[in-house]
């Protein structure tokens, strides 16, 4: 009988640890649901986003009421934007008492810092220039293929553009263009360059986010965003 005791203790410990793990996962799921519900009440969010509270064990964070790594994924539909638009946001220093989580009475969510990215698809930006426009990443810039009309002639052109931000406006600036498979006189190319430029006002983002940088990526133009001292409250 004495020889069997270590096995009994091991089984008991395994059961206890399993229960603690189960409680931990149930608690994090409950907290994620409460945060997601609060996010769904934001004016710039349509629907309930996906929320992932990182860190293990969760209960140690819950007892302190502070969460340092809360990941949020927002789809185009949730942002109220065209397909291909998305945002991936991380909340740092989220403060929510676990007693409020258990009671289901979370009224506001203070957040110390927010950062992340918002992606604008090339299809979206192409439509801004014209239905026959194609945009693609070209190194640190963009390759633009478009047919423009000048002096009664339709000219298929290719150009390289640089992407920058002007406040809340995404700017694609083209310096020079060339004919796509045809010879185009230089004076026409000079006039066509301005027709291939783009200024696109980035729609309002949730959580009071500010645009801080931009760069091309394979799936679209990625805009870096940041925010500080945000409080998420339900709409009145």
C-alpha atoms as a PDB file:
ATOM      1  CA  UNK A   1       0.000   0.000   0.000  1.00  0.00           C
ATOM      2  CA  UNK A   2       2.787   2.425   0.861  1.00  0.00           C
ATOM      3  CA  UNK A   3       4.391   1.823  -2.527  1.00  0.00           C
ATOM      4  CA  UNK A   4       1.174   2.921  -4.233  1.00  0.00           C
ATOM      5  CA  UNK A   5       0.977   6.272  -2.434  1.00  0.00           C
ATOM      6  CA  UNK A   6       3.308   8.142  -4.813  1.00  0.00           C
ATOM      7  CA  UNK A   7       1.123   7.029  -7.696  1.00  0.00           C
ATOM      8  CA  UNK A   8      -1.995   8.238  -5.871  1.00  0.00           C
ATOM      9  CA  UNK A   9      -0.353  11.583  -5.136  1.00  0.00           C
ATOM     10  CA  UNK A  10       0.687  11.917  -8.787  1.00  0.00           C
ATOM     11  CA  UNK A  11      -2.851  11.214  -9.948  1.00  0.00           C
ATOM     12  CA  UNK A  12      -4.297  13.741  -7.481  1.00  0.00           C
ATOM     13  CA  UNK A  13      -1.781  16.376  -8.579  1.00  0.00           C
ATOM     14  CA  UNK A  14      -2.605  15.707 -12.219  1.00  0.00           C
ATOM     15  CA  UNK A  15      -6.316  16.111 -11.529  1.00  0.00           C
ATOM     16  CA  UNK A  16      -5.757  19.331  -9.568  1.00  0.00           C
ATOM     17  CA  UNK A  17      -3.526  20.780 -12.259  1.00  0.00           C
ATOM     18  CA  UNK A  18      -6.061  19.803 -14.897  1.00  0.00           C
ATOM     19  CA  UNK A  19      -8.820  21.564 -12.989  1.00  0.00           C
ATOM     20  CA  UNK A  20      -6.688  24.666 -12.531  1.00  0.00           C
ATOM     21  CA  UNK A  21      -5.928  24.685 -16.245  1.00  0.00           C
ATOM     22  CA  UNK A  22      -9.618  24.323 -17.032  1.00  0.00           C
ATOM     23  CA  UNK A  23     -10.530  27.175 -14.687  1.00  0.00           C
ATOM     24  CA  UNK A  24      -7.747  29.300 -16.205  1.00  0.00           C
ATOM     25  CA  UNK A  25      -9.032  28.726 -19.754  1.00  0.00           C
ATOM     26  CA  UNK A  26     -12.649  29.324 -18.728  1.00  0.00           C
ATOM     27  CA  UNK A  27     -11.631  32.568 -17.034  1.00  0.00           C
ATOM     28  CA  UNK A  28      -9.685  33.849 -20.035  1.00  0.00           C
ATOM     29  CA  UNK A  29     -12.595  33.001 -22.327  1.00  0.00           C
ATOM     30  CA  UNK A  30     -14.949  34.942 -20.059  1.00  0.00           C
ATOM     31  CA  UNK A  31     -12.620  37.960 -19.989  1.00  0.00           C
ATOM     32  CA  UNK A  32     -12.137  37.884 -23.769  1.00  0.00           C
ATOM     33  CA  UNK A  33     -15.899  37.875 -24.211  1.00  0.00           C
ATOM     34  CA  UNK A  34     -16.315  40.888 -21.939  1.00  0.00           C
ATOM     35  CA  UNK A  35     -13.585  42.859 -23.723  1.00  0.00           C
ATOM     36  CA  UNK A  36     -14.944  41.882 -27.139  1.00  0.00           C
ATOM     37  CA  UNK A  37     -18.408  43.036 -26.111  1.00  0.00           C
ATOM     38  CA  UNK A  38     -17.038  46.394 -25.027  1.00  0.00           C
ATOM     39  CA  UNK A  39     -15.120  46.754 -28.293  1.00  0.00           C
ATOM     40  CA  UNK A  40     -18.294  46.012 -30.242  1.00  0.00           C
ATOM     41  CA  UNK A  41     -19.832  49.131 -28.692  1.00  0.00           C
ATOM     42  CA  UNK A  42     -17.250  51.436 -30.260  1.00  0.00           C
ATOM     43  CA  UNK A  43     -18.568  53.794 -32.919  1.00  0.00           C
ATOM     44  CA  UNK A  44     -16.010  52.743 -35.553  1.00  0.00           C
ATOM     45  CA  UNK A  45     -16.559  48.993 -35.017  1.00  0.00           C
ATOM     46  CA  UNK A  46     -19.425  47.028 -36.533  1.00  0.00           C
ATOM     47  CA  UNK A  47     -19.914  43.624 -34.936  1.00  0.00           C
ATOM     48  CA  UNK A  48     -17.881  41.750 -32.345  1.00  0.00           C
ATOM     49  CA  UNK A  49     -14.134  41.434 -33.084  1.00  0.00           C
ATOM     50  CA  UNK A  50     -11.865  38.516 -32.248  1.00  0.00           C
ATOM     51  CA  UNK A  51     -10.017  39.035 -28.949  1.00  0.00           C
ATOM     52  CA  UNK A  52      -7.037  37.026 -27.701  1.00  0.00           C
ATOM     53  CA  UNK A  53      -5.642  37.739 -24.226  1.00  0.00           C
ATOM     54  CA  UNK A  54      -2.066  36.476 -24.181  1.00  0.00           C
ATOM     55  CA  UNK A  55      -0.050  35.302 -21.197  1.00  0.00           C
ATOM     56  CA  UNK A  56      -0.159  32.174 -19.058  1.00  0.00           C
ATOM     57  CA  UNK A  57      -1.392  31.565 -16.477  1.00  0.00           C
ATOM     58  CA  UNK A  58      -4.242  33.981 -17.017  1.00  0.00           C
ATOM     59  CA  UNK A  59      -5.474  33.938 -13.408  1.00  0.00           C
ATOM     60  CA  UNK A  60      -2.391  35.760 -12.157  1.00  0.00           C
ATOM     61  CA  UNK A  61      -3.227  38.621 -14.516  1.00  0.00           C
ATOM     62  CA  UNK A  62      -6.896  38.465 -13.570  1.00  0.00           C
ATOM     63  CA  UNK A  63      -6.177  38.803  -9.848  1.00  0.00           C
ATOM     64  CA  UNK A  64      -4.237  41.993 -10.578  1.00  0.00           C
ATOM     65  CA  UNK A  65      -6.882  43.269 -13.001  1.00  0.00           C
ATOM     66  CA  UNK A  66      -4.229  44.176 -15.573  1.00  0.00           C
ATOM     67  CA  UNK A  67      -3.503  42.602 -18.964  1.00  0.00           C
ATOM     68  CA  UNK A  68      -0.421  43.593 -20.944  1.00  0.00           C
ATOM     69  CA  UNK A  69      -0.995  41.820 -24.245  1.00  0.00           C
ATOM     70  CA  UNK A  70      -4.520  41.799 -25.665  1.00  0.00           C
ATOM     71  CA  UNK A  71      -4.644  41.071 -29.415  1.00  0.00           C
ATOM     72  CA  UNK A  72      -7.597  42.232 -31.519  1.00  0.00           C
ATOM     73  CA  UNK A  73      -8.329  41.295 -35.120  1.00  0.00           C
ATOM     74  CA  UNK A  74     -10.768  43.463 -37.078  1.00  0.00           C
ATOM     75  CA  UNK A  75     -12.141  42.413 -40.469  1.00  0.00           C
ATOM     76  CA  UNK A  76     -13.264  44.673 -43.298  1.00  0.00           C
ATOM     77  CA  UNK A  77     -16.904  44.151 -42.314  1.00  0.00           C
ATOM     78  CA  UNK A  78     -16.222  45.075 -38.693  1.00  0.00           C
ATOM     79  CA  UNK A  79     -14.438  48.230 -39.833  1.00  0.00           C
ATOM     80  CA  UNK A  80     -17.212  49.025 -42.307  1.00  0.00           C
ATOM     81  CA  UNK A  81     -14.668  49.090 -45.142  1.00  0.00           C
ATOM     82  CA  UNK A  82     -14.272  47.285 -48.513  1.00  0.00           C
ATOM     83  CA  UNK A  83     -12.983  43.703 -48.702  1.00  0.00           C
ATOM     84  CA  UNK A  84      -9.261  43.339 -48.148  1.00  0.00           C
ATOM     85  CA  UNK A  85      -9.128  45.966 -45.417  1.00  0.00           C
ATOM     86  CA  UNK A  86      -8.184  44.652 -41.999  1.00  0.00           C
ATOM     87  CA  UNK A  87      -6.580  45.727 -38.746  1.00  0.00           C
ATOM     88  CA  UNK A  88      -4.512  43.889 -36.163  1.00  0.00           C
ATOM     89  CA  UNK A  89      -4.297  45.787 -32.910  1.00  0.00           C
ATOM     90  CA  UNK A  90      -2.542  45.112 -29.600  1.00  0.00           C
ATOM     91  CA  UNK A  91      -3.724  46.690 -26.350  1.00  0.00           C
ATOM     92  CA  UNK A  92      -1.102  47.150 -23.625  1.00  0.00           C
ATOM     93  CA  UNK A  93      -1.923  47.879 -20.000  1.00  0.00           C
ATOM     94  CA  UNK A  94      -5.615  46.971 -20.143  1.00  0.00           C
ATOM     95  CA  UNK A  95      -7.211  47.464 -16.733  1.00  0.00           C
ATOM     96  CA  UNK A  96     -10.367  45.502 -15.952  1.00  0.00           C
ATOM     97  CA  UNK A  97     -11.148  44.228 -12.417  1.00  0.00           C
ATOM     98  CA  UNK A  98     -11.879  40.515 -12.585  1.00  0.00           C
ATOM     99  CA  UNK A  99     -14.795  41.025 -10.212  1.00  0.00           C
ATOM    100  CA  UNK A 100     -16.444  43.112 -12.955  1.00  0.00           C
ATOM    101  CA  UNK A 101     -15.678  40.372 -15.484  1.00  0.00           C
ATOM    102  CA  UNK A 102     -17.318  37.734 -13.271  1.00  0.00           C
ATOM    103  CA  UNK A 103     -20.313  39.985 -12.674  1.00  0.00           C
ATOM    104  CA  UNK A 104     -20.603  40.839 -16.360  1.00  0.00           C
ATOM    105  CA  UNK A 105     -20.641  44.506 -15.414  1.00  0.00           C
ATOM    106  CA  UNK A 106     -17.688  45.897 -17.416  1.00  0.00           C
ATOM    107  CA  UNK A 107     -18.677  49.483 -18.275  1.00  0.00           C
ATOM    108  CA  UNK A 108     -15.343  50.784 -19.519  1.00  0.00           C
ATOM    109  CA  UNK A 109     -11.919  49.473 -20.419  1.00  0.00           C
ATOM    110  CA  UNK A 110      -8.952  51.792 -19.730  1.00  0.00           C
ATOM    111  CA  UNK A 111      -5.954  51.098 -21.972  1.00  0.00           C
ATOM    112  CA  UNK A 112      -2.501  52.598 -21.471  1.00  0.00           C
ATOM    113  CA  UNK A 113      -1.182  52.072 -24.990  1.00  0.00           C
ATOM    114  CA  UNK A 114      -2.399  50.749 -28.332  1.00  0.00           C
ATOM    115  CA  UNK A 115      -0.335  49.814 -31.389  1.00  0.00           C
ATOM    116  CA  UNK A 116      -0.790  47.748 -34.491  1.00  0.00           C
ATOM    117  CA  UNK A 117      -1.361  47.870 -38.219  1.00  0.00           C
ATOM    118  CA  UNK A 118      -4.190  48.533 -40.639  1.00  0.00           C
ATOM    119  CA  UNK A 119      -3.942  47.095 -44.153  1.00  0.00           C
ATOM    120  CA  UNK A 120      -5.532  48.678 -47.226  1.00  0.00           C
ATOM    121  CA  UNK A 121      -5.821  46.202 -50.084  1.00  0.00           C
ATOM    122  CA  UNK A 122      -4.391  46.996 -53.497  1.00  0.00           C
ATOM    123  CA  UNK A 123      -7.812  46.313 -55.011  1.00  0.00           C
ATOM    124  CA  UNK A 124      -9.291  49.093 -52.867  1.00  0.00           C
ATOM    125  CA  UNK A 125      -6.583  51.597 -53.819  1.00  0.00           C
ATOM    126  CA  UNK A 126      -6.702  50.570 -57.493  1.00  0.00           C
ATOM    127  CA  UNK A 127     -10.404  51.395 -57.642  1.00  0.00           C
ATOM    128  CA  UNK A 128      -9.588  54.908 -56.434  1.00  0.00           C
ATOM    129  CA  UNK A 129      -7.461  55.482 -59.553  1.00  0.00           C
ATOM    130  CA  UNK A 130      -9.733  53.704 -62.021  1.00  0.00           C
ATOM    131  CA  UNK A 131     -11.214  50.297 -62.722  1.00  0.00           C
ATOM    132  CA  UNK A 132      -8.385  49.304 -65.071  1.00  0.00           C
ATOM    133  CA  UNK A 133      -5.624  50.164 -62.579  1.00  0.00           C
ATOM    134  CA  UNK A 134      -3.364  47.507 -61.081  1.00  0.00           C
ATOM    135  CA  UNK A 135      -1.167  48.103 -58.045  1.00  0.00           C
ATOM    136  CA  UNK A 136       1.545  45.808 -56.724  1.00  0.00           C
ATOM    137  CA  UNK A 137       4.517  46.017 -54.421  1.00  0.00           C
ATOM    138  CA  UNK A 138       7.784  46.951 -56.094  1.00  0.00           C
ATOM    139  CA  UNK A 139      10.586  46.926 -53.502  1.00  0.00           C
ATOM    140  CA  UNK A 140       9.907  49.765 -51.084  1.00  0.00           C
ATOM    141  CA  UNK A 141       7.394  51.358 -53.464  1.00  0.00           C
ATOM    142  CA  UNK A 142       4.494  50.480 -55.735  1.00  0.00           C
ATOM    143  CA  UNK A 143       4.260  49.451 -59.380  1.00  0.00           C
ATOM    144  CA  UNK A 144       1.260  51.103 -61.047  1.00  0.00           C
ATOM    145  CA  UNK A 145      -0.200  49.914 -64.336  1.00  0.00           C
ATOM    146  CA  UNK A 146      -2.981  52.034 -65.789  1.00  0.00           C
ATOM    147  CA  UNK A 147      -4.498  53.295 -69.023  1.00  0.00           C
ATOM    148  CA  UNK A 148      -4.944  57.073 -69.126  1.00  0.00           C
ATOM    149  CA  UNK A 149      -6.610  59.258 -71.740  1.00  0.00           C
ATOM    150  CA  UNK A 150      -4.675  62.237 -73.076  1.00  0.00           C
ATOM    151  CA  UNK A 151      -5.435  64.362 -76.137  1.00  0.00           C
ATOM    152  CA  UNK A 152      -7.985  61.827 -77.266  1.00  0.00           C
ATOM    153  CA  UNK A 153      -5.559  58.935 -77.022  1.00  0.00           C
ATOM    154  CA  UNK A 154      -5.662  56.016 -74.594  1.00  0.00           C
ATOM    155  CA  UNK A 155      -2.184  55.311 -73.286  1.00  0.00           C
ATOM    156  CA  UNK A 156      -1.310  52.133 -71.312  1.00  0.00           C
ATOM    157  CA  UNK A 157       1.370  53.196 -68.818  1.00  0.00           C
ATOM    158  CA  UNK A 158       3.613  51.732 -66.147  1.00  0.00           C
ATOM    159  CA  UNK A 159       5.020  53.787 -63.286  1.00  0.00           C
ATOM    160  CA  UNK A 160       6.751  53.395 -59.947  1.00  0.00           C
ATOM    161  CA  UNK A 161       5.364  55.357 -57.016  1.00  0.00           C
ATOM    162  CA  UNK A 162       6.416  56.114 -53.464  1.00  0.00           C
ATOM    163  CA  UNK A 163       3.970  55.767 -50.582  1.00  0.00           C
ATOM    164  CA  UNK A 164       3.855  58.358 -47.783  1.00  0.00           C
ATOM    165  CA  UNK A 165       1.431  59.809 -45.272  1.00  0.00           C
ATOM    166  CA  UNK A 166       0.186  63.390 -45.216  1.00  0.00           C
ATOM    167  CA  UNK A 167      -1.709  63.528 -41.947  1.00  0.00           C
ATOM    168  CA  UNK A 168      -4.584  61.069 -42.370  1.00  0.00           C
ATOM    169  CA  UNK A 169      -4.112  60.916 -46.153  1.00  0.00           C
ATOM    170  CA  UNK A 170      -2.281  58.098 -47.909  1.00  0.00           C
ATOM    171  CA  UNK A 171      -0.243  59.542 -50.796  1.00  0.00           C
ATOM    172  CA  UNK A 172       1.094  57.630 -53.796  1.00  0.00           C
ATOM    173  CA  UNK A 173       3.450  59.952 -55.662  1.00  0.00           C
ATOM    174  CA  UNK A 174       4.649  59.085 -59.188  1.00  0.00           C
ATOM    175  CA  UNK A 175       7.756  60.821 -60.541  1.00  0.00           C
ATOM    176  CA  UNK A 176       7.946  59.267 -63.995  1.00  0.00           C
ATOM    177  CA  UNK A 177       6.081  56.823 -66.189  1.00  0.00           C
ATOM    178  CA  UNK A 178       6.727  54.810 -69.338  1.00  0.00           C
ATOM    179  CA  UNK A 179       4.604  53.213 -72.026  1.00  0.00           C
ATOM    180  CA  UNK A 180       3.417  49.663 -71.367  1.00  0.00           C
ATOM    181  CA  UNK A 181       4.592  47.934 -74.533  1.00  0.00           C
ATOM    182  CA  UNK A 182       4.302  51.066 -76.687  1.00  0.00           C
ATOM    183  CA  UNK A 183       6.369  54.169 -77.352  1.00  0.00           C
ATOM    184  CA  UNK A 184       4.842  57.269 -75.782  1.00  0.00           C
ATOM    185  CA  UNK A 185       6.223  60.762 -76.496  1.00  0.00           C
ATOM    186  CA  UNK A 186       7.958  62.349 -73.522  1.00  0.00           C
ATOM    187  CA  UNK A 187       5.637  65.361 -73.456  1.00  0.00           C
ATOM    188  CA  UNK A 188       2.645  63.031 -73.023  1.00  0.00           C
ATOM    189  CA  UNK A 189       4.401  61.065 -70.290  1.00  0.00           C
ATOM    190  CA  UNK A 190       5.097  64.279 -68.412  1.00  0.00           C
ATOM    191  CA  UNK A 191       1.407  65.178 -68.512  1.00  0.00           C
ATOM    192  CA  UNK A 192       0.329  61.642 -67.576  1.00  0.00           C
ATOM    193  CA  UNK A 193       2.364  61.442 -64.386  1.00  0.00           C
ATOM    194  CA  UNK A 194      -0.042  63.586 -62.368  1.00  0.00           C
ATOM    195  CA  UNK A 195      -2.973  61.389 -63.476  1.00  0.00           C
ATOM    196  CA  UNK A 196      -1.333  58.409 -61.775  1.00  0.00           C
ATOM    197  CA  UNK A 197      -0.870  60.076 -58.400  1.00  0.00           C
ATOM    198  CA  UNK A 198      -3.233  59.102 -55.592  1.00  0.00           C
ATOM    199  CA  UNK A 199      -4.437  60.791 -52.428  1.00  0.00           C
ATOM    200  CA  UNK A 200      -6.640  58.527 -50.305  1.00  0.00           C
ATOM    201  CA  UNK A 201      -8.092  59.677 -46.998  1.00  0.00           C
ATOM    202  CA  UNK A 202      -7.780  56.811 -44.531  1.00  0.00           C
ATOM    203  CA  UNK A 203     -11.146  56.142 -42.837  1.00  0.00           C
ATOM    204  CA  UNK A 204     -11.492  56.760 -39.127  1.00  0.00           C
ATOM    205  CA  UNK A 205     -10.013  53.965 -37.029  1.00  0.00           C
ATOM    206  CA  UNK A 206     -11.274  52.886 -33.600  1.00  0.00           C
ATOM    207  CA  UNK A 207      -9.624  53.538 -30.208  1.00  0.00           C
ATOM    208  CA  UNK A 208      -8.443  57.045 -31.151  1.00  0.00           C
ATOM    209  CA  UNK A 209      -5.600  55.604 -33.206  1.00  0.00           C
ATOM    210  CA  UNK A 210      -3.175  57.893 -35.014  1.00  0.00           C
ATOM    211  CA  UNK A 211      -1.322  57.000 -38.220  1.00  0.00           C
ATOM    212  CA  UNK A 212       2.432  56.850 -37.668  1.00  0.00           C
ATOM    213  CA  UNK A 213       3.931  55.208 -40.752  1.00  0.00           C
ATOM    214  CA  UNK A 214       3.253  53.367 -43.996  1.00  0.00           C
ATOM    215  CA  UNK A 215       4.938  50.724 -46.137  1.00  0.00           C
ATOM    216  CA  UNK A 216       3.981  48.450 -49.045  1.00  0.00           C
ATOM    217  CA  UNK A 217       3.491  44.732 -48.382  1.00  0.00           C
ATOM    218  CA  UNK A 218       2.514  41.786 -50.538  1.00  0.00           C
ATOM    219  CA  UNK A 219      -1.157  41.934 -49.505  1.00  0.00           C
ATOM    220  CA  UNK A 220      -1.618  45.699 -49.530  1.00  0.00           C
ATOM    221  CA  UNK A 221      -0.353  48.945 -48.057  1.00  0.00           C
ATOM    222  CA  UNK A 222       0.294  48.555 -44.326  1.00  0.00           C
ATOM    223  CA  UNK A 223      -0.261  51.568 -42.091  1.00  0.00           C
ATOM    224  CA  UNK A 224       1.224  51.589 -38.610  1.00  0.00           C
ATOM    225  CA  UNK A 225      -1.006  53.017 -35.899  1.00  0.00           C
ATOM    226  CA  UNK A 226      -0.596  54.037 -32.265  1.00  0.00           C
ATOM    227  CA  UNK A 227      -2.654  55.451 -29.439  1.00  0.00           C
ATOM    228  CA  UNK A 228      -2.217  56.205 -25.741  1.00  0.00           C
ATOM    229  CA  UNK A 229      -4.434  56.572 -22.670  1.00  0.00           C
ATOM    230  CA  UNK A 230      -7.593  55.300 -24.336  1.00  0.00           C
ATOM    231  CA  UNK A 231     -10.781  54.420 -22.482  1.00  0.00           C
ATOM    232  CA  UNK A 232     -13.223  52.160 -24.288  1.00  0.00           C
ATOM    233  CA  UNK A 233     -16.775  52.988 -23.256  1.00  0.00           C
ATOM    234  CA  UNK A 234     -20.136  51.848 -24.475  1.00  0.00           C
ATOM    235  CA  UNK A 235     -21.973  54.329 -26.702  1.00  0.00           C
ATOM    236  CA  UNK A 236     -24.629  56.331 -24.895  1.00  0.00           C
END
